[in-house]
Amino acid sequence: MLLISCPWCGPRDEAEFHYGGQAHLPYPEDPAALTDEEWARYLFFRDNPKGPFAERWSHTAGCRKWFNAIRNTATNEILAIYKTDEPRPQTRGRA
């Protein structure tokens, strides 16, 4: 079980959170102009690295706010947690 530190509520058990997928994906400026293939790529294709990965999380059983976390997908170690309006911090193992 992971211990995730909500930026507003502090450390909580993983069961209180909901995973929201890859972080830092900008919404298309004009989605109606996208082809079906481009729209499908935006909706369904995500990075799947082994190592540090920026993810979105929601503290659903607490403050219900969204935040970002950098988690090492090989070890499950959380390397950094930051609010969605903050820049992505540098972490070890990140290019």
N, C-alpha and C. Protein backbone atom coordinates (compact mmCIF):
# COMPACT_ATOMS: atom_id res chain seq x y z
N MET A 1 0.85 -1.18 0.00
CA MET A 1 0.00 0.00 0.00
C MET A 1 0.89 1.24 0.00
N LEU A 2 0.56 2.20 -0.84
CA LEU A 2 1.30 3.45 -0.91
C LEU A 2 0.83 4.43 0.17
N LEU A 3 1.75 5.24 0.62
CA LEU A 3 1.42 6.37 1.48
C LEU A 3 1.60 7.60 0.61
N ILE A 4 0.51 8.29 0.31
CA ILE A 4 0.55 9.44 -0.58
C ILE A 4 0.32 10.69 0.25
N SER A 5 1.16 11.70 0.01
CA SER A 5 1.07 12.94 0.78
C SER A 5 0.30 13.99 -0.01
N CYS A 6 -0.96 14.18 0.35
CA CYS A 6 -1.79 15.19 -0.30
C CYS A 6 -1.19 16.57 0.03
N PRO A 7 -1.05 17.46 -0.96
CA PRO A 7 -0.49 18.78 -0.69
C PRO A 7 -1.31 19.60 0.32
N TRP A 8 -2.59 19.27 0.51
CA TRP A 8 -3.44 20.03 1.42
C TRP A 8 -3.69 19.29 2.74
N CYS A 9 -3.77 17.95 2.70
CA CYS A 9 -4.16 17.18 3.88
C CYS A 9 -3.01 16.41 4.53
N GLY A 10 -1.89 16.28 3.84
CA GLY A 10 -0.77 15.54 4.39
C GLY A 10 -0.82 14.07 4.01
N PRO A 11 0.03 13.25 4.62
CA PRO A 11 0.13 11.82 4.27
C PRO A 11 -1.15 11.05 4.57
N ARG A 12 -1.60 10.28 3.58
CA ARG A 12 -2.79 9.45 3.72
C ARG A 12 -2.58 8.13 3.00
N ASP A 13 -3.38 7.16 3.33
CA ASP A 13 -3.33 5.85 2.70
C ASP A 13 -3.78 5.92 1.25
N GLU A 14 -3.19 5.14 0.41
CA GLU A 14 -3.50 5.10 -1.02
C GLU A 14 -5.00 4.91 -1.31
N ALA A 15 -5.70 4.21 -0.44
CA ALA A 15 -7.12 3.92 -0.65
C ALA A 15 -7.97 5.20 -0.68
N GLU A 16 -7.46 6.32 -0.18
CA GLU A 16 -8.20 7.58 -0.18
C GLU A 16 -8.11 8.33 -1.52
N PHE A 17 -7.31 7.82 -2.45
CA PHE A 17 -7.02 8.55 -3.67
C PHE A 17 -7.53 7.83 -4.91
N HIS A 18 -7.67 8.60 -5.97
CA HIS A 18 -8.07 8.07 -7.27
C HIS A 18 -7.03 8.49 -8.30
N TYR A 19 -6.54 7.52 -9.05
CA TYR A 19 -5.54 7.77 -10.09
C TYR A 19 -6.20 8.45 -11.28
N GLY A 20 -5.56 9.48 -11.83
CA GLY A 20 -6.15 10.22 -12.93
C GLY A 20 -5.38 10.17 -14.23
N GLY A 21 -4.36 9.33 -14.31
CA GLY A 21 -3.63 9.19 -15.57
C GLY A 21 -2.44 10.12 -15.66
N GLN A 22 -1.91 10.21 -16.86
CA GLN A 22 -0.71 10.99 -17.13
C GLN A 22 -0.96 12.48 -16.93
N ALA A 23 -0.02 13.15 -16.30
CA ALA A 23 -0.11 14.60 -16.06
C ALA A 23 0.47 15.38 -17.24
N HIS A 24 0.17 16.64 -17.28
CA HIS A 24 0.74 17.59 -18.24
C HIS A 24 0.36 17.30 -19.69
N LEU A 25 -0.87 16.86 -19.92
CA LEU A 25 -1.36 16.66 -21.28
C LEU A 25 -2.30 17.81 -21.62
N PRO A 26 -1.89 18.70 -22.49
CA PRO A 26 -2.76 19.83 -22.82
C PRO A 26 -3.96 19.40 -23.65
N TYR A 27 -5.10 19.98 -23.35
CA TYR A 27 -6.32 19.71 -24.11
C TYR A 27 -6.15 20.35 -25.49
N PRO A 28 -6.58 19.68 -26.55
CA PRO A 28 -6.44 20.27 -27.89
C PRO A 28 -7.16 21.61 -27.99
N GLU A 29 -6.54 22.57 -28.69
CA GLU A 29 -7.12 23.90 -28.83
C GLU A 29 -8.45 23.86 -29.58
N ASP A 30 -8.53 23.02 -30.61
CA ASP A 30 -9.76 22.91 -31.39
C ASP A 30 -10.07 21.43 -31.62
N PRO A 31 -10.69 20.78 -30.64
CA PRO A 31 -10.94 19.34 -30.77
C PRO A 31 -11.78 18.98 -31.99
N ALA A 32 -12.68 19.87 -32.40
CA ALA A 32 -13.54 19.57 -33.55
C ALA A 32 -12.74 19.49 -34.85
N ALA A 33 -11.56 20.09 -34.87
CA ALA A 33 -10.74 20.07 -36.08
C ALA A 33 -9.88 18.81 -36.18
N LEU A 34 -9.84 18.01 -35.13
CA LEU A 34 -9.03 16.80 -35.14
C LEU A 34 -9.69 15.69 -35.96
N THR A 35 -8.87 14.89 -36.60
CA THR A 35 -9.39 13.71 -37.27
C THR A 35 -9.73 12.68 -36.20
N ASP A 36 -10.45 11.64 -36.58
CA ASP A 36 -10.77 10.58 -35.62
C ASP A 36 -9.49 9.96 -35.07
N GLU A 37 -8.50 9.78 -35.91
CA GLU A 37 -7.23 9.19 -35.47
C GLU A 37 -6.51 10.11 -34.48
N GLU A 38 -6.49 11.42 -34.75
CA GLU A 38 -5.84 12.36 -33.83
C GLU A 38 -6.59 12.42 -32.49
N TRP A 39 -7.92 12.40 -32.52
CA TRP A 39 -8.71 12.43 -31.29
C TRP A 39 -8.48 11.15 -30.48
N ALA A 40 -8.46 10.01 -31.16
CA ALA A 40 -8.20 8.74 -30.47
C ALA A 40 -6.81 8.75 -29.85
N ARG A 41 -5.83 9.28 -30.56
CA ARG A 41 -4.47 9.37 -30.01
C ARG A 41 -4.45 10.23 -28.75
N TYR A 42 -5.17 11.35 -28.77
CA TYR A 42 -5.23 12.20 -27.57
C TYR A 42 -5.91 11.46 -26.41
N LEU A 43 -7.00 10.77 -26.68
CA LEU A 43 -7.77 10.13 -25.61
C LEU A 43 -7.11 8.88 -25.04
N PHE A 44 -6.49 8.07 -25.88
CA PHE A 44 -6.10 6.74 -25.45
C PHE A 44 -4.60 6.44 -25.41
N PHE A 45 -3.79 7.19 -26.11
CA PHE A 45 -2.36 6.89 -26.15
C PHE A 45 -1.63 7.69 -25.09
N ARG A 46 -0.94 6.99 -24.22
CA ARG A 46 -0.20 7.63 -23.14
C ARG A 46 1.20 7.03 -23.05
N ASP A 47 2.11 7.80 -22.47
CA ASP A 47 3.45 7.29 -22.22
C ASP A 47 3.36 6.15 -21.22
N ASN A 48 4.30 5.24 -21.28
CA ASN A 48 4.33 4.10 -20.35
C ASN A 48 5.79 3.79 -20.00
N PRO A 49 6.47 4.74 -19.34
CA PRO A 49 7.90 4.56 -19.09
C PRO A 49 8.17 3.65 -17.89
N LYS A 50 9.35 3.11 -17.87
CA LYS A 50 9.84 2.42 -16.69
C LYS A 50 10.72 3.44 -15.98
N GLY A 51 10.27 3.92 -14.85
CA GLY A 51 10.99 4.95 -14.13
C GLY A 51 10.08 6.11 -13.77
N PRO A 52 10.65 7.31 -13.56
CA PRO A 52 9.85 8.47 -13.14
C PRO A 52 8.78 8.84 -14.16
N PHE A 53 7.55 9.06 -13.66
CA PHE A 53 6.41 9.34 -14.51
C PHE A 53 5.49 10.32 -13.79
N ALA A 54 5.12 11.41 -14.46
CA ALA A 54 4.22 12.41 -13.87
C ALA A 54 2.77 11.96 -14.03
N GLU A 55 2.05 11.90 -12.91
CA GLU A 55 0.67 11.41 -12.88
C GLU A 55 -0.24 12.40 -12.18
N ARG A 56 -1.54 12.30 -12.47
CA ARG A 56 -2.55 13.09 -11.79
C ARG A 56 -3.22 12.21 -10.75
N TRP A 57 -3.50 12.77 -9.58
CA TRP A 57 -4.20 12.06 -8.50
C TRP A 57 -5.24 12.99 -7.90
N SER A 58 -6.31 12.40 -7.39
CA SER A 58 -7.35 13.15 -6.70
C SER A 58 -7.53 12.55 -5.30
N HIS A 59 -7.61 13.41 -4.31
CA HIS A 59 -7.83 12.95 -2.93
C HIS A 59 -9.34 12.82 -2.73
N THR A 60 -9.91 11.77 -3.28
CA THR A 60 -11.36 11.59 -3.32
C THR A 60 -12.00 11.39 -1.95
N ALA A 61 -11.30 10.79 -1.01
CA ALA A 61 -11.87 10.56 0.32
C ALA A 61 -11.46 11.65 1.31
N GLY A 62 -10.89 12.73 0.78
CA GLY A 62 -10.46 13.83 1.64
C GLY A 62 -10.93 15.16 1.08
N CYS A 63 -9.97 15.99 0.70
CA CYS A 63 -10.30 17.35 0.23
C CYS A 63 -10.86 17.37 -1.20
N ARG A 64 -10.78 16.27 -1.93
CA ARG A 64 -11.29 16.11 -3.28
C ARG A 64 -10.57 16.97 -4.32
N LYS A 65 -9.38 17.43 -3.99
CA LYS A 65 -8.61 18.26 -4.92
C LYS A 65 -7.66 17.39 -5.75
N TRP A 66 -7.36 17.87 -6.96
CA TRP A 66 -6.42 17.20 -7.85
C TRP A 66 -5.02 17.74 -7.62
N PHE A 67 -4.03 16.87 -7.79
CA PHE A 67 -2.63 17.26 -7.70
C PHE A 67 -1.81 16.32 -8.57
N ASN A 68 -0.55 16.66 -8.76
CA ASN A 68 0.35 15.83 -9.56
C ASN A 68 1.37 15.15 -8.66
N ALA A 69 1.80 13.99 -9.11
CA ALA A 69 2.84 13.25 -8.40
C ALA A 69 3.79 12.66 -9.44
N ILE A 70 5.05 12.61 -9.10
CA ILE A 70 6.01 11.90 -9.94
C ILE A 70 6.31 10.60 -9.20
N ARG A 71 5.97 9.49 -9.86
CA ARG A 71 6.12 8.17 -9.26
C ARG A 71 7.04 7.33 -10.14
N ASN A 72 7.95 6.62 -9.50
CA ASN A 72 8.81 5.69 -10.22
C ASN A 72 7.98 4.44 -10.47
N THR A 73 7.68 4.16 -11.74
CA THR A 73 6.81 3.03 -12.07
C THR A 73 7.49 1.69 -11.85
N ALA A 74 8.81 1.67 -11.73
CA ALA A 74 9.53 0.41 -11.49
C ALA A 74 9.52 0.03 -10.02
N THR A 75 9.53 1.04 -9.14
CA THR A 75 9.64 0.77 -7.70
C THR A 75 8.40 1.21 -6.91
N ASN A 76 7.50 1.96 -7.54
CA ASN A 76 6.32 2.54 -6.90
C ASN A 76 6.67 3.66 -5.91
N GLU A 77 7.90 4.09 -5.87
CA GLU A 77 8.32 5.17 -4.98
C GLU A 77 7.81 6.51 -5.51
N ILE A 78 7.20 7.30 -4.65
CA ILE A 78 6.76 8.63 -5.03
C ILE A 78 7.93 9.59 -4.81
N LEU A 79 8.35 10.23 -5.90
CA LEU A 79 9.54 11.07 -5.87
C LEU A 79 9.22 12.53 -5.57
N ALA A 80 8.03 12.98 -5.96
CA ALA A 80 7.62 14.38 -5.72
C ALA A 80 6.11 14.49 -5.82
N ILE A 81 5.57 15.44 -5.09
CA ILE A 81 4.14 15.76 -5.16
C ILE A 81 4.03 17.27 -5.25
N TYR A 82 3.16 17.75 -6.14
CA TYR A 82 3.02 19.19 -6.33
C TYR A 82 1.63 19.51 -6.84
N LYS A 83 1.18 20.73 -6.56
CA LYS A 83 -0.14 21.18 -6.98
C LYS A 83 -0.18 21.35 -8.50
N THR A 84 -1.36 21.27 -9.08
CA THR A 84 -1.50 21.31 -10.53
C THR A 84 -1.06 22.65 -11.15
N ASP A 85 -1.08 23.73 -10.37
CA ASP A 85 -0.65 25.02 -10.91
C ASP A 85 0.83 25.29 -10.68
N GLU A 86 1.55 24.32 -10.14
CA GLU A 86 2.99 24.46 -9.91
C GLU A 86 3.75 23.75 -11.02
N PRO A 87 4.97 24.22 -11.33
CA PRO A 87 5.77 23.56 -12.36
C PRO A 87 6.25 22.19 -11.89
N ARG A 88 6.50 21.31 -12.84
CA ARG A 88 7.01 19.98 -12.51
C ARG A 88 8.41 20.11 -11.93
N PRO A 89 8.63 19.57 -10.74
CA PRO A 89 9.96 19.66 -10.12
C PRO A 89 10.95 18.69 -10.78
N GLN A 90 12.21 19.01 -10.71
CA GLN A 90 13.25 18.10 -11.16
C GLN A 90 13.38 16.97 -10.15
N THR A 91 13.53 15.76 -10.65
CA THR A 91 13.71 14.60 -9.77
C THR A 91 14.87 13.79 -10.30
N ARG A 92 15.44 12.96 -9.46
CA ARG A 92 16.54 12.11 -9.93
C ARG A 92 16.01 11.12 -10.95
N GLY A 93 16.80 10.82 -11.92
CA GLY A 93 16.40 9.86 -12.93
C GLY A 93 15.57 10.46 -14.05
N ARG A 94 15.36 11.77 -14.02
CA ARG A 94 14.58 12.42 -15.09
C ARG A 94 15.52 13.12 -16.03
N ALA A 95 15.31 12.94 -17.31
CA ALA A 95 16.17 13.60 -18.31
C ALA A 95 15.85 15.07 -18.44
